[in-house]
Amino acid sequence: MEAEKWGRRIRAFRKLKGYTQESLAGELGVSVSILGEVERGNRMPTEDFLLEVADILKVSIDDLTPPEE
């Protein structure tokens, strides 16, 4: 469940910033399938992965963090 929330946030910011899965995965140095798994909530992103995504998308880690319910 937690992984889904992270994935939705990453996908939303990726689209907002104009990245395709292919382009973001390329910049991250991971396969499109790995990024897709993270975005679908099938894989929990690591802290390093999140920091890299935030850096590439020029957002803060707080922006990517799902809100508390």
PDB file of N, CA and C in Angstrom:
ATOM      1  N   MET A   1       0.821  -1.196   0.000  1.00  0.00           N
ATOM      2  CA  MET A   1       0.000   0.000   0.000  1.00  0.00           C
ATOM      3  C   MET A   1       0.866   1.262   0.000  1.00  0.00           C
ATOM      4  N   GLU A   2       1.876   1.269   0.843  1.00  0.00           N
ATOM      5  CA  GLU A   2       2.777   2.429   0.907  1.00  0.00           C
ATOM      6  C   GLU A   2       3.492   2.647  -0.418  1.00  0.00           C
ATOM      7  N   ALA A   3       3.911   1.550  -1.055  1.00  0.00           N
ATOM      8  CA  ALA A   3       4.609   1.652  -2.334  1.00  0.00           C
ATOM      9  C   ALA A   3       3.722   2.291  -3.396  1.00  0.00           C
ATOM     10  N   GLU A   4       2.413   1.997  -3.357  1.00  0.00           N
ATOM     11  CA  GLU A   4       1.474   2.591  -4.321  1.00  0.00           C
ATOM     12  C   GLU A   4       1.447   4.110  -4.197  1.00  0.00           C
ATOM     13  N   LYS A   5       1.456   4.604  -2.970  1.00  0.00           N
ATOM     14  CA  LYS A   5       1.411   6.057  -2.745  1.00  0.00           C
ATOM     15  C   LYS A   5       2.654   6.734  -3.314  1.00  0.00           C
ATOM     16  N   TRP A   6       3.822   6.137  -3.080  1.00  0.00           N
ATOM     17  CA  TRP A   6       5.065   6.685  -3.634  1.00  0.00           C
ATOM     18  C   TRP A   6       5.006   6.669  -5.152  1.00  0.00           C
ATOM     19  N   GLY A   7       4.555   5.544  -5.694  1.00  0.00           N
ATOM     20  CA  GLY A   7       4.489   5.397  -7.149  1.00  0.00           C
ATOM     21  C   GLY A   7       3.591   6.420  -7.808  1.00  0.00           C
ATOM     22  N   ARG A   8       2.429   6.665  -7.209  1.00  0.00           N
ATOM     23  CA  ARG A   8       1.501   7.669  -7.762  1.00  0.00           C
ATOM     24  C   ARG A   8       2.124   9.054  -7.748  1.00  0.00           C
ATOM     25  N   ARG A   9       2.834   9.375  -6.685  1.00  0.00           N
ATOM     26  CA  ARG A   9       3.469  10.695  -6.588  1.00  0.00           C
ATOM     27  C   ARG A   9       4.579  10.845  -7.633  1.00  0.00           C
ATOM     28  N   ILE A  10       5.394   9.811  -7.769  1.00  0.00           N
ATOM     29  CA  ILE A  10       6.480   9.853  -8.755  1.00  0.00           C
ATOM     30  C   ILE A  10       5.897  10.004 -10.154  1.00  0.00           C
ATOM     31  N   ARG A  11       4.864   9.225 -10.472  1.00  0.00           N
ATOM     32  CA  ARG A  11       4.247   9.302 -11.799  1.00  0.00           C
ATOM     33  C   ARG A  11       3.669  10.703 -12.045  1.00  0.00           C
ATOM     34  N   ALA A  12       2.984  11.251 -11.054  1.00  0.00           N
ATOM     35  CA  ALA A  12       2.373  12.570 -11.215  1.00  0.00           C
ATOM     36  C   ALA A  12       3.431  13.638 -11.483  1.00  0.00           C
ATOM     37  N   PHE A  13       4.512  13.633 -10.717  1.00  0.00           N
ATOM     38  CA  PHE A  13       5.567  14.636 -10.929  1.00  0.00           C
ATOM     39  C   PHE A  13       6.314  14.397 -12.233  1.00  0.00           C
ATOM     40  N   ARG A  14       6.494  13.125 -12.610  1.00  0.00           N
ATOM     41  CA  ARG A  14       7.155  12.823 -13.883  1.00  0.00           C
ATOM     42  C   ARG A  14       6.360  13.431 -15.039  1.00  0.00           C
ATOM     43  N   LYS A  15       5.050  13.223 -15.023  1.00  0.00           N
ATOM     44  CA  LYS A  15       4.200  13.754 -16.095  1.00  0.00           C
ATOM     45  C   LYS A  15       4.154  15.275 -16.046  1.00  0.00           C
ATOM     46  N   LEU A  16       4.060  15.831 -14.849  1.00  0.00           N
ATOM     47  CA  LEU A  16       4.019  17.287 -14.687  1.00  0.00           C
ATOM     48  C   LEU A  16       5.270  17.943 -15.267  1.00  0.00           C
ATOM     49  N   LYS A  17       6.406  17.276 -15.112  1.00  0.00           N
ATOM     50  CA  LYS A  17       7.679  17.817 -15.594  1.00  0.00           C
ATOM     51  C   LYS A  17       7.965  17.446 -17.049  1.00  0.00           C
ATOM     52  N   GLY A  18       7.045  16.714 -17.699  1.00  0.00           N
ATOM     53  CA  GLY A  18       7.179  16.418 -19.115  1.00  0.00           C
ATOM     54  C   GLY A  18       8.079  15.250 -19.468  1.00  0.00           C
ATOM     55  N   TYR A  19       8.327  14.361 -18.523  1.00  0.00           N
ATOM     56  CA  TYR A  19       9.157  13.191 -18.778  1.00  0.00           C
ATOM     57  C   TYR A  19       8.289  11.997 -19.158  1.00  0.00           C
ATOM     58  N   THR A  20       8.783  11.191 -20.089  1.00  0.00           N
ATOM     59  CA  THR A  20       8.183   9.886 -20.339  1.00  0.00           C
ATOM     60  C   THR A  20       8.848   8.897 -19.401  1.00  0.00           C
ATOM     61  N   GLN A  21       8.266   7.706 -19.291  1.00  0.00           N
ATOM     62  CA  GLN A  21       8.921   6.673 -18.485  1.00  0.00           C
ATOM     63  C   GLN A  21      10.301   6.371 -19.064  1.00  0.00           C
ATOM     64  N   GLU A  22      10.380   6.337 -20.379  1.00  0.00           N
ATOM     65  CA  GLU A  22      11.653   6.025 -21.027  1.00  0.00           C
ATOM     66  C   GLU A  22      12.722   7.073 -20.714  1.00  0.00           C
ATOM     67  N   SER A  23      12.339   8.346 -20.797  1.00  0.00           N
ATOM     68  CA  SER A  23      13.340   9.393 -20.572  1.00  0.00           C
ATOM     69  C   SER A  23      13.784   9.452 -19.109  1.00  0.00           C
ATOM     70  N   LEU A  24      12.847   9.311 -18.176  1.00  0.00           N
ATOM     71  CA  LEU A  24      13.225   9.347 -16.766  1.00  0.00           C
ATOM     72  C   LEU A  24      14.045   8.111 -16.397  1.00  0.00           C
ATOM     73  N   ALA A  25      13.631   6.949 -16.874  1.00  0.00           N
ATOM     74  CA  ALA A  25      14.388   5.728 -16.583  1.00  0.00           C
ATOM     75  C   ALA A  25      15.816   5.856 -17.110  1.00  0.00           C
ATOM     76  N   GLY A  26      15.964   6.431 -18.307  1.00  0.00           N
ATOM     77  CA  GLY A  26      17.293   6.624 -18.878  1.00  0.00           C
ATOM     78  C   GLY A  26      18.159   7.510 -18.014  1.00  0.00           C
ATOM     79  N   GLU A  27      17.599   8.593 -17.516  1.00  0.00           N
ATOM     80  CA  GLU A  27      18.376   9.494 -16.649  1.00  0.00           C
ATOM     81  C   GLU A  27      18.707   8.850 -15.311  1.00  0.00           C
ATOM     82  N   LEU A  28      17.798   7.984 -14.830  1.00  0.00           N
ATOM     83  CA  LEU A  28      18.033   7.293 -13.561  1.00  0.00           C
ATOM     84  C   LEU A  28      19.009   6.135 -13.711  1.00  0.00           C
ATOM     85  N   GLY A  29      19.192   5.665 -14.953  1.00  0.00           N
ATOM     86  CA  GLY A  29      20.060   4.518 -15.174  1.00  0.00           C
ATOM     87  C   GLY A  29      19.400   3.205 -14.789  1.00  0.00           C
ATOM     88  N   VAL A  30      18.059   3.164 -14.890  1.00  0.00           N
ATOM     89  CA  VAL A  30      17.327   1.931 -14.607  1.00  0.00           C
ATOM     90  C   VAL A  30      16.488   1.584 -15.834  1.00  0.00           C
ATOM     91  N   SER A  31      15.983   0.373 -15.872  1.00  0.00           N
ATOM     92  CA  SER A  31      15.138  -0.029 -16.997  1.00  0.00           C
ATOM     93  C   SER A  31      13.749   0.584 -16.838  1.00  0.00           C
ATOM     94  N   VAL A  32      13.051   0.680 -17.955  1.00  0.00           N
ATOM     95  CA  VAL A  32      11.677   1.187 -17.940  1.00  0.00           C
ATOM     96  C   VAL A  32      10.805   0.278 -17.082  1.00  0.00           C
ATOM     97  N   SER A  33      11.075  -1.016 -17.107  1.00  0.00           N
ATOM     98  CA  SER A  33      10.255  -1.940 -16.316  1.00  0.00           C
ATOM     99  C   SER A  33      10.417  -1.689 -14.816  1.00  0.00           C
ATOM    100  N   ILE A  34      11.610  -1.346 -14.375  1.00  0.00           N
ATOM    101  CA  ILE A  34      11.805  -1.040 -12.945  1.00  0.00           C
ATOM    102  C   ILE A  34      11.040   0.224 -12.570  1.00  0.00           C
ATOM    103  N   LEU A  35      11.160   1.273 -13.385  1.00  0.00           N
ATOM    104  CA  LEU A  35      10.420   2.496 -13.094  1.00  0.00           C
ATOM    105  C   LEU A  35       8.920   2.218 -13.115  1.00  0.00           C
ATOM    106  N   GLY A  36       8.471   1.419 -14.062  1.00  0.00           N
ATOM    107  CA  GLY A  36       7.051   1.067 -14.137  1.00  0.00           C
ATOM    108  C   GLY A  36       6.584   0.323 -12.902  1.00  0.00           C
ATOM    109  N   GLU A  37       7.414  -0.590 -12.392  1.00  0.00           N
ATOM    110  CA  GLU A  37       7.063  -1.315 -11.170  1.00  0.00           C
ATOM    111  C   GLU A  37       6.926  -0.366  -9.986  1.00  0.00           C
ATOM    112  N   VAL A  38       7.835   0.599  -9.892  1.00  0.00           N
ATOM    113  CA  VAL A  38       7.763   1.585  -8.811  1.00  0.00           C
ATOM    114  C   VAL A  38       6.485   2.408  -8.955  1.00  0.00           C
ATOM    115  N   GLU A  39       6.207   2.897 -10.166  1.00  0.00           N
ATOM    116  CA  GLU A  39       5.032   3.741 -10.376  1.00  0.00           C
ATOM    117  C   GLU A  39       3.728   2.980 -10.126  1.00  0.00           C
ATOM    118  N   ARG A  40       3.700   1.684 -10.402  1.00  0.00           N
ATOM    119  CA  ARG A  40       2.493   0.886 -10.166  1.00  0.00           C
ATOM    120  C   ARG A  40       2.371   0.427  -8.714  1.00  0.00           C
ATOM    121  N   GLY A  41       3.407   0.656  -7.926  1.00  0.00           N
ATOM    122  CA  GLY A  41       3.362   0.255  -6.525  1.00  0.00           C
ATOM    123  C   GLY A  41       3.766  -1.188  -6.290  1.00  0.00           C
ATOM    124  N   ASN A  42       4.378  -1.823  -7.282  1.00  0.00           N
ATOM    125  CA  ASN A  42       4.831  -3.203  -7.132  1.00  0.00           C
ATOM    126  C   ASN A  42       6.235  -3.293  -6.549  1.00  0.00           C
ATOM    127  N   ARG A  43       6.922  -2.167  -6.465  1.00  0.00           N
ATOM    128  CA  ARG A  43       8.290  -2.131  -5.945  1.00  0.00           C
ATOM    129  C   ARG A  43       8.419  -0.862  -5.096  1.00  0.00           C
ATOM    130  N   MET A  44       8.921  -1.035  -3.877  1.00  0.00           N
ATOM    131  CA  MET A  44       9.133   0.112  -2.988  1.00  0.00           C
ATOM    132  C   MET A  44      10.420   0.814  -3.395  1.00  0.00           C
ATOM    133  N   PRO A  45      10.346   2.126  -3.660  1.00  0.00           N
ATOM    134  CA  PRO A  45      11.570   2.838  -4.038  1.00  0.00           C
ATOM    135  C   PRO A  45      12.528   2.975  -2.855  1.00  0.00           C
ATOM    136  N   THR A  46      13.818   2.853  -3.136  1.00  0.00           N
ATOM    137  CA  THR A  46      14.820   3.036  -2.089  1.00  0.00           C
ATOM    138  C   THR A  46      15.009   4.532  -1.847  1.00  0.00           C
ATOM    139  N   GLU A  47      15.661   4.858  -0.755  1.00  0.00           N
ATOM    140  CA  GLU A  47      15.939   6.260  -0.450  1.00  0.00           C
ATOM    141  C   GLU A  47      16.812   6.889  -1.534  1.00  0.00           C
ATOM    142  N   ASP A  48      17.826   6.148  -1.990  1.00  0.00           N
ATOM    143  CA  ASP A  48      18.697   6.658  -3.057  1.00  0.00           C
ATOM    144  C   ASP A  48      17.917   6.902  -4.343  1.00  0.00           C
ATOM    145  N   PHE A  49      17.016   5.995  -4.679  1.00  0.00           N
ATOM    146  CA  PHE A  49      16.183   6.144  -5.871  1.00  0.00           C
ATOM    147  C   PHE A  49      15.347   7.416  -5.756  1.00  0.00           C
ATOM    148  N   LEU A  50      14.731   7.626  -4.598  1.00  0.00           N
ATOM    149  CA  LEU A  50      13.891   8.813  -4.390  1.00  0.00           C
ATOM    150  C   LEU A  50      14.694  10.102  -4.481  1.00  0.00           C
ATOM    151  N   LEU A  51      15.884  10.094  -3.910  1.00  0.00           N
ATOM    152  CA  LEU A  51      16.739  11.287  -3.975  1.00  0.00           C
ATOM    153  C   LEU A  51      17.121  11.599  -5.409  1.00  0.00           C
ATOM    154  N   GLU A  52      17.414  10.560  -6.182  1.00  0.00           N
ATOM    155  CA  GLU A  52      17.783  10.740  -7.590  1.00  0.00           C
ATOM    156  C   GLU A  52      16.593  11.271  -8.399  1.00  0.00           C
ATOM    157  N   VAL A  53      15.410  10.700  -8.170  1.00  0.00           N
ATOM    158  CA  VAL A  53      14.197  11.169  -8.861  1.00  0.00           C
ATOM    159  C   VAL A  53      13.945  12.634  -8.536  1.00  0.00           C
ATOM    160  N   ALA A  54      14.025  12.984  -7.254  1.00  0.00           N
ATOM    161  CA  ALA A  54      13.794  14.369  -6.837  1.00  0.00           C
ATOM    162  C   ALA A  54      14.789  15.309  -7.509  1.00  0.00           C
ATOM    163  N   ASP A  55      16.046  14.894  -7.593  1.00  0.00           N
ATOM    164  CA  ASP A  55      17.075  15.721  -8.210  1.00  0.00           C
ATOM    165  C   ASP A  55      16.797  15.929  -9.699  1.00  0.00           C
ATOM    166  N   ILE A  56      16.488  14.867 -10.402  1.00  0.00           N
ATOM    167  CA  ILE A  56      16.237  14.958 -11.844  1.00  0.00           C
ATOM    168  C   ILE A  56      14.995  15.796 -12.134  1.00  0.00           C
ATOM    169  N   LEU A  57      13.933  15.581 -11.346  1.00  0.00           N
ATOM    170  CA  LEU A  57      12.677  16.305 -11.587  1.00  0.00           C
ATOM    171  C   LEU A  57      12.678  17.708 -10.984  1.00  0.00           C
ATOM    172  N   LYS A  58      13.763  18.035 -10.279  1.00  0.00           N
ATOM    173  CA  LYS A  58      13.896  19.361  -9.654  1.00  0.00           C
ATOM    174  C   LYS A  58      12.743  19.651  -8.684  1.00  0.00           C
ATOM    175  N   VAL A  59      12.469  18.661  -7.830  1.00  0.00           N
ATOM    176  CA  VAL A  59      11.483  18.810  -6.760  1.00  0.00           C
ATOM    177  C   VAL A  59      12.150  18.384  -5.463  1.00  0.00           C
ATOM    178  N   SER A  60      11.552  18.724  -4.348  1.00  0.00           N
ATOM    179  CA  SER A  60      12.117  18.305  -3.065  1.00  0.00           C
ATOM    180  C   SER A  60      11.615  16.908  -2.722  1.00  0.00           C
ATOM    181  N   ILE A  61      12.326  16.251  -1.834  1.00  0.00           N
ATOM    182  CA  ILE A  61      11.899  14.934  -1.382  1.00  0.00           C
ATOM    183  C   ILE A  61      10.559  15.063  -0.658  1.00  0.00           C
ATOM    184  N   ASP A  62      10.323  16.211  -0.027  1.00  0.00           N
ATOM    185  CA  ASP A  62       9.034  16.449   0.634  1.00  0.00           C
ATOM    186  C   ASP A  62       7.892  16.488  -0.382  1.00  0.00           C
ATOM    187  N   ASP A  63       8.164  17.025  -1.572  1.00  0.00           N
ATOM    188  CA  ASP A  63       7.142  17.038  -2.622  1.00  0.00           C
ATOM    189  C   ASP A  63       6.756  15.611  -3.014  1.00  0.00           C
ATOM    190  N   LEU A  64       7.739  14.727  -3.066  1.00  0.00           N
ATOM    191  CA  LEU A  64       7.470  13.342  -3.462  1.00  0.00           C
ATOM    192  C   LEU A  64       6.825  12.516  -2.353  1.00  0.00           C
ATOM    193  N   THR A  65       7.014  12.944  -1.098  1.00  0.00           N
ATOM    194  CA  THR A  65       6.512  12.175   0.029  1.00  0.00           C
ATOM    195  C   THR A  65       4.990  12.209   0.069  1.00  0.00           C
ATOM    196  N   PRO A  66       4.368  11.014   0.107  1.00  0.00           N
ATOM    197  CA  PRO A  66       2.900  10.992   0.183  1.00  0.00           C
ATOM    198  C   PRO A  66       2.407  11.637   1.472  1.00  0.00           C
ATOM    199  N   PRO A  67       1.296  12.364   1.421  1.00  0.00           N
ATOM    200  CA  PRO A  67       0.759  12.994   2.622  1.00  0.00           C
ATOM    201  C   PRO A  67       0.261  11.952   3.612  1.00  0.00           C
ATOM    202  N   GLU A  68       0.344  12.267   4.874  1.00  0.00           N
ATOM    203  CA  GLU A  68      -0.188  11.378   5.931  1.00  0.00           C
ATOM    204  C   GLU A  68      -1.701  11.397   5.852  1.00  0.00           C
ATOM    205  N   GLU A  69      -2.279  10.242   6.117  1.00  0.00           N
ATOM    206  CA  GLU A  69      -3.761  10.161   6.087  1.00  0.00           C
ATOM    207  C   GLU A  69      -4.321  10.309   7.454  1.00  0.00           C
TER     208      GLU A  69
END
